N, C-alpha and C. Protein backbone atom coordinates (compact mmCIF):
# COMPACT_ATOMS: atom_id res chain seq x y z
N MET A 1 0.84 -1.37 -0.13
CA MET A 1 0.00 0.11 0.01
C MET A 1 1.00 1.10 0.11
N GLU A 2 0.40 2.21 -0.62
CA GLU A 2 1.23 3.36 -0.80
C GLU A 2 0.04 4.75 -0.74
N VAL A 3 0.75 5.88 -0.13
CA VAL A 3 0.12 7.01 -0.70
C VAL A 3 1.12 8.23 -1.56
N VAL A 4 0.14 9.29 -2.15
CA VAL A 4 1.14 9.82 -2.85
C VAL A 4 1.00 11.21 -2.42
N VAL A 5 2.15 11.95 -1.95
CA VAL A 5 2.33 13.19 -1.27
C VAL A 5 2.53 14.19 -2.36
N LYS A 6 1.86 15.12 -2.28
CA LYS A 6 2.01 16.27 -3.47
C LYS A 6 2.41 17.55 -2.61
N LEU A 7 3.27 18.29 -3.28
CA LEU A 7 4.17 19.44 -2.44
C LEU A 7 3.70 20.68 -3.42
N SER A 8 3.24 21.73 -2.50
CA SER A 8 3.40 23.08 -3.13
C SER A 8 4.51 23.72 -3.50
N ASP A 9 4.19 24.80 -4.20
CA ASP A 9 5.57 25.56 -4.62
C ASP A 9 7.01 25.58 -3.65
N GLU A 10 6.83 26.20 -2.53
CA GLU A 10 7.99 26.11 -1.73
C GLU A 10 8.48 24.87 -1.16
N LEU A 11 7.54 23.96 -0.77
CA LEU A 11 7.83 22.92 -0.35
C LEU A 11 8.47 21.81 -1.36
N ARG A 12 8.15 22.07 -2.86
CA ARG A 12 8.62 21.30 -3.88
C ARG A 12 10.05 21.82 -4.06
N LYS A 13 10.37 23.12 -4.01
CA LYS A 13 11.78 23.48 -3.98
C LYS A 13 12.46 22.66 -2.75
N GLN A 14 11.95 22.59 -1.88
CA GLN A 14 12.91 21.87 -0.44
C GLN A 14 13.24 20.64 -0.77
N ALA A 15 11.83 19.89 -1.26
CA ALA A 15 12.26 18.24 -1.57
C ALA A 15 12.88 17.98 -3.06
N GLY A 16 12.95 18.94 -4.05
CA GLY A 16 13.21 18.65 -5.15
C GLY A 16 12.55 17.99 -5.89
N THR A 17 11.18 17.90 -5.46
CA THR A 17 10.32 17.05 -6.43
C THR A 17 9.03 17.64 -5.95
N ASP A 18 7.85 17.21 -6.85
CA ASP A 18 6.61 17.78 -6.48
C ASP A 18 5.79 16.80 -5.93
N THR A 19 6.20 15.26 -6.28
CA THR A 19 5.45 14.31 -5.90
C THR A 19 6.28 13.17 -5.22
N ILE A 20 5.87 12.53 -4.00
CA ILE A 20 6.70 11.56 -3.05
C ILE A 20 5.52 10.51 -3.11
N LYS A 21 6.07 9.35 -3.33
CA LYS A 21 5.19 8.06 -3.04
C LYS A 21 5.91 7.34 -1.93
N ILE A 22 4.97 7.25 -0.94
CA ILE A 22 5.48 6.51 0.55
C ILE A 22 4.65 5.34 0.57
N PRO A 23 5.18 4.41 1.08
CA PRO A 23 4.63 3.19 1.47
C PRO A 23 4.06 3.26 2.89
N ILE A 24 2.80 2.70 3.09
CA ILE A 24 2.04 2.90 4.21
C ILE A 24 1.42 1.34 4.68
N ASP A 25 1.16 1.17 5.89
CA ASP A 25 0.46 0.16 6.49
C ASP A 25 -0.65 0.29 6.63
N GLU A 26 -1.64 -0.77 7.05
CA GLU A 26 -3.01 -0.56 7.00
C GLU A 26 -3.24 0.24 8.26
N ASP A 27 -4.33 1.20 8.32
CA ASP A 27 -4.66 2.02 9.56
C ASP A 27 -3.54 2.79 9.92
N GLU A 28 -2.65 3.35 9.00
CA GLU A 28 -1.72 4.16 9.16
C GLU A 28 -2.35 5.56 9.16
N THR A 29 -1.77 6.68 9.87
CA THR A 29 -2.33 7.83 10.13
C THR A 29 -1.45 9.00 9.64
N VAL A 30 -1.91 10.08 9.38
CA VAL A 30 -1.01 11.37 8.74
C VAL A 30 0.04 11.65 9.68
N ASP A 31 0.28 11.29 11.01
CA ASP A 31 1.42 11.69 11.90
C ASP A 31 2.41 10.79 11.47
N THR A 32 2.12 9.23 11.36
CA THR A 32 3.23 8.40 11.00
C THR A 32 3.72 8.46 9.50
N LEU A 33 2.87 9.12 8.65
CA LEU A 33 3.21 9.43 7.18
C LEU A 33 4.20 10.46 7.22
N LEU A 34 4.20 11.42 8.07
CA LEU A 34 5.04 12.75 8.28
C LEU A 34 6.33 12.10 8.67
N MET A 35 6.13 11.19 9.88
CA MET A 35 7.65 10.93 10.49
C MET A 35 8.24 10.10 9.01
N LYS A 36 7.65 9.25 8.21
CA LYS A 36 8.22 8.76 7.19
C LYS A 36 8.82 9.59 6.21
N LEU A 37 8.01 10.76 6.04
CA LEU A 37 8.69 11.82 5.31
C LEU A 37 9.86 12.74 5.72
N SER A 38 9.57 12.51 7.04
CA SER A 38 10.88 13.42 7.76
C SER A 38 12.25 12.72 7.63
N ARG A 39 12.44 11.40 7.38
CA ARG A 39 13.44 10.53 7.19
C ARG A 39 13.98 10.75 5.81
N ARG A 40 13.35 11.26 4.92
CA ARG A 40 13.64 11.73 3.62
C ARG A 40 14.24 12.88 3.53
N HIS A 41 13.22 13.90 3.85
CA HIS A 41 13.20 15.18 3.87
C HIS A 41 12.84 15.93 5.17
N PRO A 42 14.02 15.65 5.93
CA PRO A 42 13.61 16.52 7.47
C PRO A 42 13.15 18.00 7.59
N LYS A 43 14.01 18.58 6.69
CA LYS A 43 13.64 20.35 6.36
C LYS A 43 12.19 20.38 5.99
N LEU A 44 11.85 19.75 5.24
CA LEU A 44 10.57 19.98 4.77
C LEU A 44 9.28 19.61 5.94
N VAL A 45 9.43 18.72 6.51
CA VAL A 45 8.48 18.46 7.86
C VAL A 45 8.83 19.58 8.88
N GLU A 46 9.97 19.80 8.97
CA GLU A 46 10.28 21.18 9.88
C GLU A 46 9.55 22.32 9.70
N LEU A 47 9.41 22.68 8.17
CA LEU A 47 8.73 23.71 7.81
C LEU A 47 7.38 23.76 7.97
N VAL A 48 6.71 22.45 7.93
CA VAL A 48 5.23 22.19 8.14
C VAL A 48 4.63 22.03 9.43
N LEU A 49 5.23 21.25 10.17
CA LEU A 49 5.11 20.92 11.49
C LEU A 49 5.28 22.00 12.59
N ASP A 50 4.39 22.23 13.60
CA ASP A 50 4.62 22.86 14.71
C ASP A 50 5.48 21.96 15.70
N PRO A 51 6.75 21.96 16.26
CA PRO A 51 7.13 20.89 17.17
C PRO A 51 6.65 20.98 18.27
N THR A 52 5.70 21.90 18.97
CA THR A 52 5.15 22.10 19.88
C THR A 52 3.91 21.16 20.06
N THR A 53 2.99 21.09 18.99
CA THR A 53 1.76 20.62 19.25
C THR A 53 1.83 19.29 18.10
N GLY A 54 2.84 19.26 17.25
CA GLY A 54 2.76 18.20 16.17
C GLY A 54 1.78 18.11 15.03
N GLU A 55 1.13 19.39 15.21
CA GLU A 55 0.18 19.76 14.30
C GLU A 55 0.80 20.39 13.32
N ALA A 56 -0.09 20.65 11.63
CA ALA A 56 0.54 21.55 10.83
C ALA A 56 0.36 23.16 11.40
N LYS A 57 1.30 23.74 11.03
CA LYS A 57 1.66 25.40 11.34
C LYS A 57 0.51 25.73 10.73
N GLY A 58 0.05 26.99 11.15
CA GLY A 58 -1.15 27.83 10.77
C GLY A 58 -1.15 28.22 9.19
N ASN A 59 0.14 28.20 8.94
CA ASN A 59 0.29 28.97 7.36
C ASN A 59 0.14 27.50 6.49
N TYR A 60 0.07 26.32 6.68
CA TYR A 60 0.30 25.29 6.15
C TYR A 60 -1.04 24.54 6.06
N GLU A 61 -1.41 23.88 4.98
CA GLU A 61 -2.70 23.00 4.93
C GLU A 61 -2.13 21.66 4.81
N ILE A 62 -2.94 20.62 5.10
CA ILE A 62 -2.63 19.08 4.60
C ILE A 62 -3.90 18.55 4.11
N LEU A 63 -4.13 18.28 2.97
CA LEU A 63 -5.70 17.56 2.45
C LEU A 63 -5.20 16.30 2.02
N ILE A 64 -6.24 15.36 2.40
CA ILE A 64 -6.31 14.37 1.83
C ILE A 64 -7.39 14.14 0.99
N ASN A 65 -7.03 13.71 -0.35
CA ASN A 65 -7.92 13.74 -1.52
C ASN A 65 -9.29 15.03 -1.51
N GLY A 66 -8.31 16.19 -1.29
CA GLY A 66 -9.19 17.30 -1.38
C GLY A 66 -9.65 17.86 -0.31
N ARG A 67 -9.67 16.99 1.10
CA ARG A 67 -10.37 17.38 2.26
C ARG A 67 -9.41 17.79 3.37
N ARG A 68 -9.48 18.82 4.08
CA ARG A 68 -8.54 19.09 5.06
C ARG A 68 -8.68 18.53 6.16
N ILE A 69 -7.26 17.88 6.60
CA ILE A 69 -7.20 17.13 7.83
C ILE A 69 -7.62 17.77 9.22
N ARG A 70 -7.76 19.24 9.10
CA ARG A 70 -8.08 19.96 10.30
C ARG A 70 -9.79 19.65 10.59
N HIS A 71 -10.42 19.30 9.39
CA HIS A 71 -11.71 19.12 9.58
C HIS A 71 -12.10 17.67 9.70
N LEU A 72 -11.12 16.79 9.67
CA LEU A 72 -11.22 15.38 9.98
C LEU A 72 -10.70 15.27 11.34
N ARG A 73 -9.66 14.18 11.37
CA ARG A 73 -8.90 14.04 12.73
C ARG A 73 -7.86 14.56 12.97
N GLY A 74 -7.38 15.73 12.36
CA GLY A 74 -5.94 16.22 12.38
C GLY A 74 -4.87 15.35 11.68
N ILE A 75 -3.85 15.31 12.46
CA ILE A 75 -2.81 14.36 12.06
C ILE A 75 -3.04 12.87 12.38
N TYR A 76 -4.31 12.68 13.12
CA TYR A 76 -4.64 11.10 13.47
C TYR A 76 -5.46 10.62 12.52
N THR A 77 -5.92 11.44 11.23
CA THR A 77 -6.73 11.05 10.17
C THR A 77 -5.96 9.67 9.61
N LYS A 78 -6.71 8.58 9.57
CA LYS A 78 -6.38 7.40 8.92
C LYS A 78 -5.97 7.68 7.48
N LEU A 79 -5.13 6.90 6.86
CA LEU A 79 -4.78 6.82 5.54
C LEU A 79 -5.28 5.58 4.81
N LYS A 80 -5.36 5.34 3.51
CA LYS A 80 -5.98 4.35 2.62
C LYS A 80 -5.13 4.33 1.62
N HIS A 81 -4.94 3.30 1.13
CA HIS A 81 -4.11 2.81 -0.11
C HIS A 81 -4.45 3.88 -1.49
N LYS A 82 -3.46 4.57 -2.15
CA LYS A 82 -3.64 5.46 -2.96
C LYS A 82 -4.28 6.72 -2.80
N ASP A 83 -4.48 7.23 -1.29
CA ASP A 83 -5.01 8.30 -0.94
C ASP A 83 -3.60 9.39 -1.64
N GLU A 84 -4.37 10.69 -1.86
CA GLU A 84 -3.46 11.76 -2.37
C GLU A 84 -3.15 12.68 -1.10
N VAL A 85 -2.14 12.96 -0.68
CA VAL A 85 -2.15 13.92 0.37
C VAL A 85 -1.33 15.12 -0.20
N LEU A 86 -2.03 16.36 -0.13
CA LEU A 86 -1.42 17.71 -0.40
C LEU A 86 -0.89 18.31 0.73
N ILE A 87 0.10 18.91 0.59
CA ILE A 87 0.90 19.75 1.59
C ILE A 87 0.98 21.16 0.93
N ALA A 88 0.27 22.13 1.24
CA ALA A 88 0.57 23.42 0.81
C ALA A 88 0.18 24.29 1.78
N GLN A 89 1.07 25.74 1.14
CA GLN A 89 0.83 26.77 2.08
C GLN A 89 -0.60 27.18 2.15
N SER A 90 -1.05 27.78 3.29
CA SER A 90 -2.55 28.05 3.09
C SER A 90 -2.43 29.60 2.30
N GLU A 91 -3.37 29.85 1.98
CA GLU A 91 -3.82 31.25 1.27
C GLU A 91 -3.92 32.57 2.60
N THR A 92 -4.59 32.18 3.57
CA THR A 92 -4.74 32.98 4.45
C THR A 92 -4.39 32.14 5.72
N GLU A 93 -3.49 32.84 6.75
CA GLU A 93 -3.25 31.95 7.78
C GLU A 93 -4.26 31.64 8.96
N SER A 94 -4.44 30.70 9.18
CA SER A 94 -5.38 30.36 10.10
C SER A 94 -5.09 30.20 11.50
N SER A 95 -5.98 30.41 12.52
CA SER A 95 -5.52 29.99 14.08
C SER A 95 -6.14 29.09 14.62
């Protein structure tokens, strides 16, 4: 099983690519996906995650198949095979 992580402009430059395929296990969540991503691209994850809360910083959005994880279960949202995870800068900073 795997998910496809797509990155917005600034993050694409940091990672050197716009798409990253990451293998996942059944019932894996966004937080474990981000841990796997940080092994390949640690600075990318540092830009996106708040080190205090572990959640996405206010100026970044994480979407699964077009749905914001903030409206689901946050970083504890479960992933499924072939999910598309978009990590992008927010147009407006949310609190």
